[in-house]
Amino acid sequence: MRASPIRAGWIERSHFSDACASLWIEGGLAHLEDLVLHDAQMDARAPTAEIIRAARVLAARRRMLSAAPGWALSPDGTAALRGGAFLAEGEGKAEKPTDSDEADGEGAWLDEGDPESDDPLAAELAELDAALAGATRALERRPAVDPEARDPLVYDLDWDEDERLEQWREAVDLTFGLPPVLAAALTAALWDDIEPLQHAPWLGRLLAAALLRQRGKTRSHLLCVNSGARAVPRLRLKPADPVAKILFWLAAIFAAAEQGLRDHDRWLLARAGREGKLKGRRGNSHLPQALDLALARPIVTAELLAQELKVSARAGQNLIAELGLRELTGRRRYRAWGIL
């Protein structure tokens, strides 16, 4: 994958398909085309709760892949993913915190020997910056729902998520000496057993994929564990036997790897078959960018091409016709094309 010419497009497509598969595993249904349009802020209709949940999984996958390999499994990374704070690496963090700032979120950033420390205005501004930085860090570590404001009809108030999360993290640390694939399967199985978060079962599957990346097994992409679990027979999902649970997630990882290779070969062949259309084009032609976009999205519309490439909707339709994309919807009022 590291040397593949369609690496970026494969990764984007896998993000979308894995997010939809995550909802399928939980008994929900998120249509792939609706998720693509929602991600582009071009919803054809009001987004459903399932689409919003799938969009959160999509954002989490992108955030995990853009960060360092060990970020997702670190306490800060897990806290950010748990609370939905998918910030860029280093964004919203203080650059030079002091001891007092770490203790209570306050304190001056200026050193005592700084000549500006004698300026009352500079000291006030420094204290304000430190307070804002402390508040930002506190918000990053804040859970998605304030425990004190939880509705007892929706949440089990006796469910200590912090304690369960710490228990799961300690169990994952014990898998350090195991092979990466076996450790990832145990990570997913432990999450199902411990259930650290009441309303985020999808996060455990993403953390299992992050562990594979952290251990160097999938360095250039994030494995689609959800898609693999969807391919495994449904009757084997969440079996009672602990060994069967581990075997299930091993089968899911294997199925995800196989499916990823098949998709890569199919999309690479589709790209090679359309590269001939790019020959003899002018340097300012939008056709190469349109082909890359068609490979990076499960579906494209004329409006989506027009928005991404800064062309008219009519030009987007012409690009679709020149590329020879296959129509996927068959609707009159809403039409979409793609490369299968």
C-alpha atoms as a PDB file:
ATOM      1  CA  MET A   1       0.000   0.000   0.000  1.00  0.00           C
ATOM      2  CA  ARG A   2       2.888   2.351   0.703  1.00  0.00           C
ATOM      3  CA  ALA A   3       4.003   2.258  -2.960  1.00  0.00           C
ATOM      4  CA  SER A   4       0.562   1.955  -4.552  1.00  0.00           C
ATOM      5  CA  PRO A   5      -0.381   4.690  -7.061  1.00  0.00           C
ATOM      6  CA  ILE A   6      -3.960   4.655  -5.741  1.00  0.00           C
ATOM      7  CA  ARG A   7      -3.069   4.655  -2.049  1.00  0.00           C
ATOM      8  CA  ALA A   8      -4.876   7.920  -1.251  1.00  0.00           C
ATOM      9  CA  GLY A   9      -8.003   6.898  -3.127  1.00  0.00           C
ATOM     10  CA  TRP A  10      -8.021   3.404  -1.595  1.00  0.00           C
ATOM     11  CA  ILE A  11      -7.740   4.842   1.909  1.00  0.00           C
ATOM     12  CA  GLU A  12     -10.597   7.308   1.376  1.00  0.00           C
ATOM     13  CA  ARG A  13     -12.865   4.614  -0.051  1.00  0.00           C
ATOM     14  CA  SER A  14     -12.023   2.253   2.789  1.00  0.00           C
ATOM     15  CA  HIS A  15     -12.929   4.931   5.333  1.00  0.00           C
ATOM     16  CA  PHE A  16     -16.417   5.252   3.875  1.00  0.00           C
ATOM     17  CA  SER A  17     -17.069   1.530   3.516  1.00  0.00           C
ATOM     18  CA  ASP A  18     -15.768   0.740   6.997  1.00  0.00           C
ATOM     19  CA  ALA A  19     -17.930   3.440   8.569  1.00  0.00           C
ATOM     20  CA  CYS A  20     -21.048   1.968   6.940  1.00  0.00           C
ATOM     21  CA  ALA A  21     -19.999  -1.543   7.991  1.00  0.00           C
ATOM     22  CA  SER A  22     -19.663  -0.332  11.587  1.00  0.00           C
ATOM     23  CA  LEU A  23     -23.321   0.724  11.594  1.00  0.00           C
ATOM     24  CA  TRP A  24     -24.345  -2.596  10.010  1.00  0.00           C
ATOM     25  CA  ILE A  25     -22.645  -4.545  12.802  1.00  0.00           C
ATOM     26  CA  GLU A  26     -24.624  -2.575  15.391  1.00  0.00           C
ATOM     27  CA  GLY A  27     -27.902  -3.206  13.589  1.00  0.00           C
ATOM     28  CA  GLY A  28     -28.121   0.182  11.855  1.00  0.00           C
ATOM     29  CA  LEU A  29     -28.191   1.070   8.176  1.00  0.00           C
ATOM     30  CA  ALA A  30     -26.219   3.923   6.655  1.00  0.00           C
ATOM     31  CA  HIS A  31     -26.354   4.155   2.868  1.00  0.00           C
ATOM     32  CA  LEU A  32     -22.958   4.698   1.315  1.00  0.00           C
ATOM     33  CA  GLU A  33     -24.128   7.407  -1.081  1.00  0.00           C
ATOM     34  CA  ASP A  34     -25.828   9.327   1.731  1.00  0.00           C
ATOM     35  CA  LEU A  35     -22.642   9.247   3.801  1.00  0.00           C
ATOM     36  CA  VAL A  36     -20.551  10.522   0.867  1.00  0.00           C
ATOM     37  CA  LEU A  37     -22.930  13.417   0.256  1.00  0.00           C
ATOM     38  CA  HIS A  38     -23.148  14.186   3.981  1.00  0.00           C
ATOM     39  CA  ASP A  39     -19.353  14.290   4.184  1.00  0.00           C
ATOM     40  CA  ALA A  40     -19.310  16.777   1.298  1.00  0.00           C
ATOM     41  CA  GLN A  41     -22.096  18.803   2.987  1.00  0.00           C
ATOM     42  CA  MET A  42     -24.353  18.125   0.025  1.00  0.00           C
ATOM     43  CA  ASP A  43     -27.059  16.043   1.692  1.00  0.00           C
ATOM     44  CA  ALA A  44     -29.917  15.117  -0.625  1.00  0.00           C
ATOM     45  CA  ARG A  45     -32.166  14.906   2.460  1.00  0.00           C
ATOM     46  CA  ALA A  46     -31.984  15.527   6.193  1.00  0.00           C
ATOM     47  CA  PRO A  47     -29.293  13.218   7.644  1.00  0.00           C
ATOM     48  CA  THR A  48     -30.569  10.367   9.771  1.00  0.00           C
ATOM     49  CA  ALA A  49     -29.168   9.390  13.163  1.00  0.00           C
ATOM     50  CA  GLU A  50     -27.374   6.483  11.484  1.00  0.00           C
ATOM     51  CA  ILE A  51     -25.653   8.808   8.995  1.00  0.00           C
ATOM     52  CA  ILE A  52     -24.504  11.065  11.826  1.00  0.00           C
ATOM     53  CA  ARG A  53     -23.095   8.073  13.715  1.00  0.00           C
ATOM     54  CA  ALA A  54     -21.358   6.813  10.577  1.00  0.00           C
ATOM     55  CA  ALA A  55     -19.911  10.278  10.012  1.00  0.00           C
ATOM     56  CA  ARG A  56     -18.425  10.134  13.496  1.00  0.00           C
ATOM     57  CA  VAL A  57     -16.758   6.800  12.727  1.00  0.00           C
ATOM     58  CA  LEU A  58     -15.511   8.282   9.442  1.00  0.00           C
ATOM     59  CA  ALA A  59     -14.009  11.294  11.230  1.00  0.00           C
ATOM     60  CA  ALA A  60     -12.413   9.053  13.855  1.00  0.00           C
ATOM     61  CA  ARG A  61     -10.747   6.878  11.210  1.00  0.00           C
ATOM     62  CA  ARG A  62      -9.331   9.919   9.450  1.00  0.00           C
ATOM     63  CA  ARG A  63      -8.072  11.368  12.702  1.00  0.00           C
ATOM     64  CA  MET A  64      -6.414   8.126  13.757  1.00  0.00           C
ATOM     65  CA  LEU A  65      -4.647   7.678  10.428  1.00  0.00           C
ATOM     66  CA  SER A  66      -3.415  11.289  10.351  1.00  0.00           C
ATOM     67  CA  ALA A  67      -1.911  11.006  13.842  1.00  0.00           C
ATOM     68  CA  ALA A  68       1.149   9.122  15.019  1.00  0.00           C
ATOM     69  CA  PRO A  69       0.742   5.315  15.124  1.00  0.00           C
ATOM     70  CA  GLY A  70       0.554   5.173  18.917  1.00  0.00           C
ATOM     71  CA  TRP A  71      -1.706   8.195  19.427  1.00  0.00           C
ATOM     72  CA  ALA A  72      -5.090   6.425  19.352  1.00  0.00           C
ATOM     73  CA  LEU A  73      -4.149   3.977  22.129  1.00  0.00           C
ATOM     74  CA  SER A  74      -2.603   6.636  24.354  1.00  0.00           C
ATOM     75  CA  PRO A  75      -4.678   8.161  27.187  1.00  0.00           C
ATOM     76  CA  ASP A  76      -4.898  11.511  25.368  1.00  0.00           C
ATOM     77  CA  GLY A  77      -5.859   9.869  22.092  1.00  0.00           C
ATOM     78  CA  THR A  78      -8.513   7.666  23.654  1.00  0.00           C
ATOM     79  CA  ALA A  79      -9.933  10.662  25.520  1.00  0.00           C
ATOM     80  CA  ALA A  80     -10.139  12.693  22.315  1.00  0.00           C
ATOM     81  CA  LEU A  81     -11.791   9.869  20.380  1.00  0.00           C
ATOM     82  CA  ARG A  82     -14.154   9.185  23.259  1.00  0.00           C
ATOM     83  CA  GLY A  83     -15.302  12.792  23.400  1.00  0.00           C
ATOM     84  CA  GLY A  84     -15.382  13.342  19.643  1.00  0.00           C
ATOM     85  CA  ALA A  85     -12.549  15.884  19.724  1.00  0.00           C
ATOM     86  CA  PHE A  86     -10.947  14.929  16.415  1.00  0.00           C
ATOM     87  CA  LEU A  87      -8.449  17.778  16.390  1.00  0.00           C
ATOM     88  CA  ALA A  88      -5.317  18.007  14.316  1.00  0.00           C
ATOM     89  CA  GLU A  89      -2.118  16.839  15.977  1.00  0.00           C
ATOM     90  CA  GLY A  90      -1.079  19.409  18.535  1.00  0.00           C
ATOM     91  CA  GLU A  91      -4.088  21.677  17.939  1.00  0.00           C
ATOM     92  CA  GLY A  92      -5.626  23.177  21.043  1.00  0.00           C
ATOM     93  CA  LYS A  93      -2.676  22.316  23.286  1.00  0.00           C
ATOM     94  CA  ALA A  94      -0.411  24.674  25.175  1.00  0.00           C
ATOM     95  CA  GLU A  95       3.049  25.131  23.740  1.00  0.00           C
ATOM     96  CA  LYS A  96       4.810  25.920  27.013  1.00  0.00           C
ATOM     97  CA  PRO A  97       2.835  24.918  30.116  1.00  0.00           C
ATOM     98  CA  THR A  98       4.246  25.555  33.561  1.00  0.00           C
ATOM     99  CA  ASP A  99       3.896  23.524  36.747  1.00  0.00           C
ATOM    100  CA  SER A 100       1.101  25.751  38.042  1.00  0.00           C
ATOM    101  CA  ASP A 101      -0.632  25.564  34.658  1.00  0.00           C
ATOM    102  CA  GLU A 102      -0.622  21.773  34.737  1.00  0.00           C
ATOM    103  CA  ALA A 103      -1.931  21.773  38.286  1.00  0.00           C
ATOM    104  CA  ASP A 104      -4.919  24.100  38.038  1.00  0.00           C
ATOM    105  CA  GLY A 105      -5.012  25.466  34.489  1.00  0.00           C
ATOM    106  CA  GLU A 106      -3.560  28.841  35.524  1.00  0.00           C
ATOM    107  CA  GLY A 107      -0.173  30.466  35.722  1.00  0.00           C
ATOM    108  CA  ALA A 108       2.061  32.783  33.755  1.00  0.00           C
ATOM    109  CA  TRP A 109       3.938  31.527  30.722  1.00  0.00           C
ATOM    110  CA  LEU A 110       6.615  34.193  31.035  1.00  0.00           C
ATOM    111  CA  ASP A 111       9.821  33.322  32.824  1.00  0.00           C
ATOM    112  CA  GLU A 112      10.765  35.337  35.857  1.00  0.00           C
ATOM    113  CA  GLY A 113      13.783  36.696  34.074  1.00  0.00           C
ATOM    114  CA  ASP A 114      11.803  37.919  31.083  1.00  0.00           C
ATOM    115  CA  PRO A 115      12.059  41.730  30.790  1.00  0.00           C
ATOM    116  CA  GLU A 116       8.382  41.867  29.787  1.00  0.00           C
ATOM    117  CA  SER A 117       7.337  40.339  33.115  1.00  0.00           C
ATOM    118  CA  ASP A 118       7.403  43.804  34.679  1.00  0.00           C
ATOM    119  CA  ASP A 119       4.658  44.963  32.319  1.00  0.00           C
ATOM    120  CA  PRO A 120       1.286  44.524  34.104  1.00  0.00           C
ATOM    121  CA  LEU A 121      -0.575  44.211  30.783  1.00  0.00           C
ATOM    122  CA  ALA A 122       1.783  41.499  29.521  1.00  0.00           C
ATOM    123  CA  ALA A 123       1.356  39.571  32.771  1.00  0.00           C
ATOM    124  CA  GLU A 124      -2.437  39.814  32.520  1.00  0.00           C
ATOM    125  CA  LEU A 125      -2.382  38.583  28.911  1.00  0.00           C
ATOM    126  CA  ALA A 126      -0.065  35.724  29.836  1.00  0.00           C
ATOM    127  CA  GLU A 127      -2.374  34.604  32.627  1.00  0.00           C
ATOM    128  CA  LEU A 128      -5.353  34.811  30.261  1.00  0.00           C
ATOM    129  CA  ASP A 129      -3.553  32.704  27.645  1.00  0.00           C
ATOM    130  CA  ALA A 130      -2.621  30.127  30.268  1.00  0.00           C
ATOM    131  CA  ALA A 131      -6.208  29.928  31.531  1.00  0.00           C
ATOM    132  CA  LEU A 132      -7.544  29.474  27.995  1.00  0.00           C
ATOM    133  CA  ALA A 133      -4.962  26.759  27.299  1.00  0.00           C
ATOM    134  CA  GLY A 134      -5.922  24.934  30.489  1.00  0.00           C
ATOM    135  CA  ALA A 135      -9.604  25.115  29.579  1.00  0.00           C
ATOM    136  CA  THR A 136      -8.859  23.757  26.096  1.00  0.00           C
ATOM    137  CA  ARG A 137      -6.983  20.783  27.525  1.00  0.00           C
ATOM    138  CA  ALA A 138      -9.813  20.113  29.959  1.00  0.00           C
ATOM    139  CA  LEU A 139     -12.360  20.125  27.137  1.00  0.00           C
ATOM    140  CA  GLU A 140     -10.236  17.686  25.111  1.00  0.00           C
ATOM    141  CA  ARG A 141     -10.322  15.211  27.990  1.00  0.00           C
ATOM    142  CA  ARG A 142     -14.007  15.754  28.737  1.00  0.00           C
ATOM    143  CA  PRO A 143     -16.290  12.791  27.990  1.00  0.00           C
ATOM    144  CA  ALA A 144     -18.846  13.050  25.187  1.00  0.00           C
ATOM    145  CA  VAL A 145     -21.612  13.361  27.819  1.00  0.00           C
ATOM    146  CA  ASP A 146     -21.188  14.946  31.234  1.00  0.00           C
ATOM    147  CA  PRO A 147     -21.733  12.139  33.798  1.00  0.00           C
ATOM    148  CA  GLU A 148     -23.660  14.482  36.074  1.00  0.00           C
ATOM    149  CA  ALA A 149     -26.076  15.454  33.297  1.00  0.00           C
ATOM    150  CA  ARG A 150     -26.834  11.957  32.003  1.00  0.00           C
ATOM    151  CA  ASP A 151     -30.412  10.862  31.636  1.00  0.00           C
ATOM    152  CA  PRO A 152     -31.057   7.664  33.672  1.00  0.00           C
ATOM    153  CA  LEU A 153     -33.412   6.501  30.916  1.00  0.00           C
ATOM    154  CA  VAL A 154     -30.509   6.512  28.431  1.00  0.00           C
ATOM    155  CA  TYR A 155     -27.456   5.826  30.592  1.00  0.00           C
ATOM    156  CA  ASP A 156     -26.768   3.383  33.397  1.00  0.00           C
ATOM    157  CA  LEU A 157     -25.622   5.710  36.166  1.00  0.00           C
ATOM    158  CA  ASP A 158     -23.756   2.872  37.911  1.00  0.00           C
ATOM    159  CA  TRP A 159     -21.663   2.316  34.787  1.00  0.00           C
ATOM    160  CA  ASP A 160     -18.192   3.668  35.609  1.00  0.00           C
ATOM    161  CA  GLU A 161     -16.732   4.286  32.155  1.00  0.00           C
ATOM    162  CA  ASP A 162     -13.391   5.569  33.459  1.00  0.00           C
ATOM    163  CA  GLU A 163     -12.846   2.467  35.580  1.00  0.00           C
ATOM    164  CA  ARG A 164     -13.865   0.124  32.764  1.00  0.00           C
ATOM    165  CA  LEU A 165     -11.639   1.959  30.305  1.00  0.00           C
ATOM    166  CA  GLU A 166      -8.688   1.667  32.648  1.00  0.00           C
ATOM    167  CA  GLN A 167      -9.420  -2.042  33.111  1.00  0.00           C
ATOM    168  CA  TRP A 168      -9.472  -2.528  29.338  1.00  0.00           C
ATOM    169  CA  ARG A 169      -6.241  -0.575  28.897  1.00  0.00           C
ATOM    170  CA  GLU A 170      -4.458  -2.692  31.530  1.00  0.00           C
ATOM    171  CA  ALA A 171      -5.632  -5.867  29.794  1.00  0.00           C
ATOM    172  CA  VAL A 172      -4.393  -4.593  26.420  1.00  0.00           C
ATOM    173  CA  ASP A 173      -0.978  -3.844  27.934  1.00  0.00           C
ATOM    174  CA  LEU A 174      -0.657  -7.549  28.779  1.00  0.00           C
ATOM    175  CA  THR A 175      -0.789  -8.404  25.049  1.00  0.00           C
ATOM    176  CA  PHE A 176       2.448  -6.549  24.317  1.00  0.00           C
ATOM    177  CA  GLY A 177       4.482  -9.720  23.829  1.00  0.00           C
ATOM    178  CA  LEU A 178       1.949 -11.401  21.531  1.00  0.00           C
ATOM    179  CA  PRO A 179       1.952 -11.299  17.714  1.00  0.00           C
ATOM    180  CA  PRO A 180       0.221  -8.132  16.401  1.00  0.00           C
ATOM    181  CA  VAL A 181      -2.752  -9.887  14.796  1.00  0.00           C
ATOM    182  CA  LEU A 182      -3.490 -11.964  17.894  1.00  0.00           C
ATOM    183  CA  ALA A 183      -3.111  -8.868  20.090  1.00  0.00           C
ATOM    184  CA  ALA A 184      -5.567  -6.954  17.875  1.00  0.00           C
ATOM    185  CA  ALA A 185      -8.108  -9.797  18.074  1.00  0.00           C
ATOM    186  CA  LEU A 186      -7.780  -9.840  21.865  1.00  0.00           C
ATOM    187  CA  THR A 187      -8.175  -6.051  21.943  1.00  0.00           C
ATOM    188  CA  ALA A 188     -11.499  -6.226  20.108  1.00  0.00           C
ATOM    189  CA  ALA A 189     -12.716  -9.202  22.177  1.00  0.00           C
ATOM    190  CA  LEU A 190     -11.816  -7.471  25.442  1.00  0.00           C
ATOM    191  CA  TRP A 191     -13.724  -4.371  24.397  1.00  0.00           C
ATOM    192  CA  ASP A 192     -16.832  -6.493  23.754  1.00  0.00           C
ATOM    193  CA  ASP A 193     -16.508  -8.152  27.169  1.00  0.00           C
ATOM    194  CA  ILE A 194     -15.676  -5.089  29.277  1.00  0.00           C
ATOM    195  CA  GLU A 195     -17.784  -2.582  27.284  1.00  0.00           C
ATOM    196  CA  PRO A 196     -15.974   0.515  28.578  1.00  0.00           C
ATOM    197  CA  LEU A 197     -18.268   3.029  26.852  1.00  0.00           C
ATOM    198  CA  GLN A 198     -22.015   2.542  26.931  1.00  0.00           C
ATOM    199  CA  HIS A 199     -22.771   4.176  23.584  1.00  0.00           C
ATOM    200  CA  ALA A 200     -19.546   3.758  21.596  1.00  0.00           C
ATOM    201  CA  PRO A 201     -19.041   0.052  20.828  1.00  0.00           C
ATOM    202  CA  TRP A 202     -17.553   1.029  17.466  1.00  0.00           C
ATOM    203  CA  LEU A 203     -14.475   2.574  19.088  1.00  0.00           C
ATOM    204  CA  GLY A 204     -13.094  -0.787  20.227  1.00  0.00           C
ATOM    205  CA  ARG A 205     -12.962  -2.077  16.659  1.00  0.00           C
ATOM    206  CA  LEU A 206     -11.107   1.034  15.489  1.00  0.00           C
ATOM    207  CA  LEU A 207      -8.648   0.725  18.368  1.00  0.00           C
ATOM    208  CA  ALA A 208      -7.952  -2.870  17.312  1.00  0.00           C
ATOM    209  CA  ALA A 209      -7.050  -1.539  13.851  1.00  0.00           C
ATOM    210  CA  ALA A 210      -4.936   1.173  15.493  1.00  0.00           C
ATOM    211  CA  LEU A 211      -3.035  -1.491  17.437  1.00  0.00           C
ATOM    212  CA  LEU A 212      -2.108  -3.217  14.181  1.00  0.00           C
ATOM    213  CA  ARG A 213      -0.742   0.077  12.913  1.00  0.00           C
ATOM    214  CA  GLN A 214       1.080   0.760  16.172  1.00  0.00           C
ATOM    215  CA  ARG A 215       2.760  -2.670  16.088  1.00  0.00           C
ATOM    216  CA  GLY A 216       3.937  -2.062  12.494  1.00  0.00           C
ATOM    217  CA  LYS A 217       1.644  -4.595  10.823  1.00  0.00           C
ATOM    218  CA  THR A 218      -0.275  -2.019   8.757  1.00  0.00           C
ATOM    219  CA  ARG A 219       2.006   0.990   8.616  1.00  0.00           C
ATOM    220  CA  SER A 220       0.523   2.727   5.575  1.00  0.00           C
ATOM    221  CA  HIS A 221      -3.211   2.338   6.201  1.00  0.00           C
ATOM    222  CA  LEU A 222      -5.822   1.548   8.829  1.00  0.00           C
ATOM    223  CA  LEU A 223      -7.292  -1.923   8.495  1.00  0.00           C
ATOM    224  CA  CYS A 224     -11.056  -2.113   7.872  1.00  0.00           C
ATOM    225  CA  VAL A 225     -11.895  -4.362  10.821  1.00  0.00           C
ATOM    226  CA  ASN A 226     -15.593  -3.472  10.562  1.00  0.00           C
ATOM    227  CA  SER A 227     -15.743  -4.580   6.931  1.00  0.00           C
ATOM    228  CA  GLY A 228     -14.014  -7.825   7.862  1.00  0.00           C
ATOM    229  CA  ALA A 229     -16.438  -8.480  10.718  1.00  0.00           C
ATOM    230  CA  ARG A 230     -19.328  -7.868   8.335  1.00  0.00           C
ATOM    231  CA  ALA A 231     -17.947 -10.467   5.914  1.00  0.00           C
ATOM    232  CA  VAL A 232     -17.705 -13.128   8.636  1.00  0.00           C
ATOM    233  CA  PRO A 233     -20.956 -15.109   9.101  1.00  0.00           C
ATOM    234  CA  ARG A 234     -23.386 -13.234  11.305  1.00  0.00           C
ATOM    235  CA  LEU A 235     -23.991 -16.231  13.580  1.00  0.00           C
ATOM    236  CA  ARG A 236     -20.401 -16.035  14.778  1.00  0.00           C
ATOM    237  CA  LEU A 237     -20.748 -12.478  16.012  1.00  0.00           C
ATOM    238  CA  LYS A 238     -20.360 -12.215  19.809  1.00  0.00           C
ATOM    239  CA  PRO A 239     -20.259 -15.936  20.664  1.00  0.00           C
ATOM    240  CA  ALA A 240     -20.281 -16.966  24.308  1.00  0.00           C
ATOM    241  CA  ASP A 241     -17.048 -18.973  24.281  1.00  0.00           C
ATOM    242  CA  PRO A 242     -13.984 -16.712  24.856  1.00  0.00           C
ATOM    243  CA  VAL A 243     -11.872 -18.743  22.432  1.00  0.00           C
ATOM    244  CA  ALA A 244     -14.596 -18.487  19.798  1.00  0.00           C
ATOM    245  CA  LYS A 245     -14.629 -14.698  20.266  1.00  0.00           C
ATOM    246  CA  ILE A 246     -10.920 -14.495  19.578  1.00  0.00           C
ATOM    247  CA  LEU A 247     -11.278 -16.766  16.553  1.00  0.00           C
ATOM    248  CA  PHE A 248     -14.078 -14.553  15.271  1.00  0.00           C
ATOM    249  CA  TRP A 249     -11.937 -11.425  15.356  1.00  0.00           C
ATOM    250  CA  LEU A 250      -8.998 -13.282  13.812  1.00  0.00           C
ATOM    251  CA  ALA A 251     -11.320 -14.297  10.976  1.00  0.00           C
ATOM    252  CA  ALA A 252     -12.528 -10.701  10.691  1.00  0.00           C
ATOM    253  CA  ILE A 253      -8.967  -9.387  10.377  1.00  0.00           C
ATOM    254  CA  PHE A 254      -8.173 -12.029   7.768  1.00  0.00           C
ATOM    255  CA  ALA A 255     -11.348 -11.212   5.816  1.00  0.00           C
ATOM    256  CA  ALA A 256     -10.550  -7.481   5.956  1.00  0.00           C
ATOM    257  CA  ALA A 257      -7.078  -8.091   4.541  1.00  0.00           C
ATOM    258  CA  GLU A 258      -8.421 -10.252   1.719  1.00  0.00           C
ATOM    259  CA  GLN A 259     -11.183  -7.790   0.867  1.00  0.00           C
ATOM    260  CA  GLY A 260      -8.704  -4.917   0.855  1.00  0.00           C
ATOM    261  CA  LEU A 261      -6.450  -6.696  -1.625  1.00  0.00           C
ATOM    262  CA  ARG A 262      -9.362  -7.510  -3.932  1.00  0.00           C
ATOM    263  CA  ASP A 263     -10.619  -3.934  -3.848  1.00  0.00           C
ATOM    264  CA  HIS A 264      -7.141  -2.589  -4.508  1.00  0.00           C
ATOM    265  CA  ASP A 265      -6.650  -4.782  -7.559  1.00  0.00           C
ATOM    266  CA  ARG A 266     -10.101  -3.919  -8.938  1.00  0.00           C
ATOM    267  CA  TRP A 267      -9.694  -0.175  -8.507  1.00  0.00           C
ATOM    268  CA  LEU A 268      -6.143  -0.255  -9.883  1.00  0.00           C
ATOM    269  CA  LEU A 269      -7.425  -2.052 -12.976  1.00  0.00           C
ATOM    270  CA  ALA A 270     -10.231   0.492 -13.347  1.00  0.00           C
ATOM    271  CA  ARG A 271      -7.708   3.328 -13.162  1.00  0.00           C
ATOM    272  CA  ALA A 272      -5.409   1.701 -15.709  1.00  0.00           C
ATOM    273  CA  GLY A 273      -8.333   1.233 -18.110  1.00  0.00           C
ATOM    274  CA  ARG A 274      -9.147   4.939 -17.996  1.00  0.00           C
ATOM    275  CA  GLU A 275      -5.633   6.346 -18.119  1.00  0.00           C
ATOM    276  CA  GLY A 276      -5.749   6.222 -21.910  1.00  0.00           C
ATOM    277  CA  LYS A 277      -8.441   8.909 -21.820  1.00  0.00           C
ATOM    278  CA  LEU A 278      -5.923  11.287 -20.235  1.00  0.00           C
ATOM    279  CA  LYS A 279      -3.463  11.193 -23.135  1.00  0.00           C
ATOM    280  CA  GLY A 280      -3.342  14.228 -25.366  1.00  0.00           C
ATOM    281  CA  ARG A 281      -5.196  16.423 -22.892  1.00  0.00           C
ATOM    282  CA  ARG A 282      -4.301  20.037 -22.255  1.00  0.00           C
ATOM    283  CA  GLY A 283      -2.296  20.888 -19.168  1.00  0.00           C
ATOM    284  CA  ASN A 284      -5.262  22.674 -17.595  1.00  0.00           C
ATOM    285  CA  SER A 285      -7.671  19.787 -18.167  1.00  0.00           C
ATOM    286  CA  HIS A 286      -9.733  18.736 -15.155  1.00  0.00           C
ATOM    287  CA  LEU A 287     -10.016  15.129 -16.325  1.00  0.00           C
ATOM    288  CA  PRO A 288      -7.048  13.790 -14.284  1.00  0.00           C
ATOM    289  CA  GLN A 289      -8.425  15.383 -11.103  1.00  0.00           C
ATOM    290  CA  ALA A 290     -11.883  14.019 -11.898  1.00  0.00           C
ATOM    291  CA  LEU A 291     -10.441  10.506 -12.232  1.00  0.00           C
ATOM    292  CA  ASP A 292      -8.633  10.822  -8.907  1.00  0.00           C
ATOM    293  CA  LEU A 293     -11.830  12.036  -7.259  1.00  0.00           C
ATOM    294  CA  ALA A 294     -13.836   9.161  -8.745  1.00  0.00           C
ATOM    295  CA  LEU A 295     -11.290   6.737  -7.287  1.00  0.00           C
ATOM    296  CA  ALA A 296     -11.343   8.455  -3.886  1.00  0.00           C
ATOM    297  CA  ARG A 297     -15.146   8.401  -3.503  1.00  0.00           C
ATOM    298  CA  PRO A 298     -17.493   5.402  -3.721  1.00  0.00           C
ATOM    299  CA  ILE A 299     -19.869   7.634  -5.688  1.00  0.00           C
ATOM    300  CA  VAL A 300     -19.649  11.022  -7.394  1.00  0.00           C
ATOM    301  CA  THR A 301     -22.281  13.393  -8.648  1.00  0.00           C
ATOM    302  CA  ALA A 302     -22.022  16.206 -11.151  1.00  0.00           C
ATOM    303  CA  GLU A 303     -22.523  18.683  -8.316  1.00  0.00           C
ATOM    304  CA  LEU A 304     -19.787  17.047  -6.234  1.00  0.00           C
ATOM    305  CA  LEU A 305     -17.320  17.239  -9.121  1.00  0.00           C
ATOM    306  CA  ALA A 306     -18.298  20.851  -9.729  1.00  0.00           C
ATOM    307  CA  GLN A 307     -17.738  21.723  -6.075  1.00  0.00           C
ATOM    308  CA  GLU A 308     -14.402  19.953  -5.708  1.00  0.00           C
ATOM    309  CA  LEU A 309     -12.928  21.000  -9.054  1.00  0.00           C
ATOM    310  CA  LYS A 310     -14.397  24.531  -9.126  1.00  0.00           C
ATOM    311  CA  VAL A 311     -16.210  24.015 -12.422  1.00  0.00           C
ATOM    312  CA  SER A 312     -19.820  24.306 -13.519  1.00  0.00           C
ATOM    313  CA  ALA A 313     -22.343  21.512 -13.025  1.00  0.00           C
ATOM    314  CA  ARG A 314     -22.508  21.056 -16.782  1.00  0.00           C
ATOM    315  CA  ALA A 315     -18.737  20.642 -16.916  1.00  0.00           C
ATOM    316  CA  GLY A 316     -19.030  18.031 -14.171  1.00  0.00           C
ATOM    317  CA  GLN A 317     -21.513  16.061 -16.276  1.00  0.00           C
ATOM    318  CA  ASN A 318     -19.144  16.250 -19.252  1.00  0.00           C
ATOM    319  CA  LEU A 319     -16.270  14.915 -17.139  1.00  0.00           C
ATOM    320  CA  ILE A 320     -18.423  11.992 -15.992  1.00  0.00           C
ATOM    321  CA  ALA A 321     -19.324  11.184 -19.592  1.00  0.00           C
ATOM    322  CA  GLU A 322     -15.694  11.368 -20.732  1.00  0.00           C
ATOM    323  CA  LEU A 323     -14.538   9.054 -17.964  1.00  0.00           C
ATOM    324  CA  GLY A 324     -17.271   6.539 -18.763  1.00  0.00           C
ATOM    325  CA  LEU A 325     -18.360   6.104 -15.135  1.00  0.00           C
ATOM    326  CA  ARG A 326     -21.140   3.687 -14.317  1.00  0.00           C
ATOM    327  CA  GLU A 327     -24.441   5.126 -13.098  1.00  0.00           C
ATOM    328  CA  LEU A 328     -25.328   3.665  -9.717  1.00  0.00           C
ATOM    329  CA  THR A 329     -28.664   5.178  -8.714  1.00  0.00           C
ATOM    330  CA  GLY A 330     -30.869   5.150 -11.815  1.00  0.00           C
ATOM    331  CA  ARG A 331     -32.946   8.029 -10.455  1.00  0.00           C
ATOM    332  CA  ARG A 332     -34.102  11.059 -12.386  1.00  0.00           C
ATOM    333  CA  ARG A 333     -33.933  13.725  -9.686  1.00  0.00           C
ATOM    334  CA  TYR A 334     -30.796  12.353  -8.035  1.00  0.00           C
ATOM    335  CA  ARG A 335     -28.126  10.638 -10.114  1.00  0.00           C
ATOM    336  CA  ALA A 336     -24.721   9.346  -9.040  1.00  0.00           C
ATOM    337  CA  TRP A 337     -21.883   7.538 -10.770  1.00  0.00           C
ATOM    338  CA  GLY A 338     -18.873   5.577  -9.619  1.00  0.00           C
ATOM    339  CA  ILE A 339     -16.126   3.061 -10.251  1.00  0.00           C
ATOM    340  CA  LEU A 340     -17.002  -0.286  -8.649  1.00  0.00           C
END
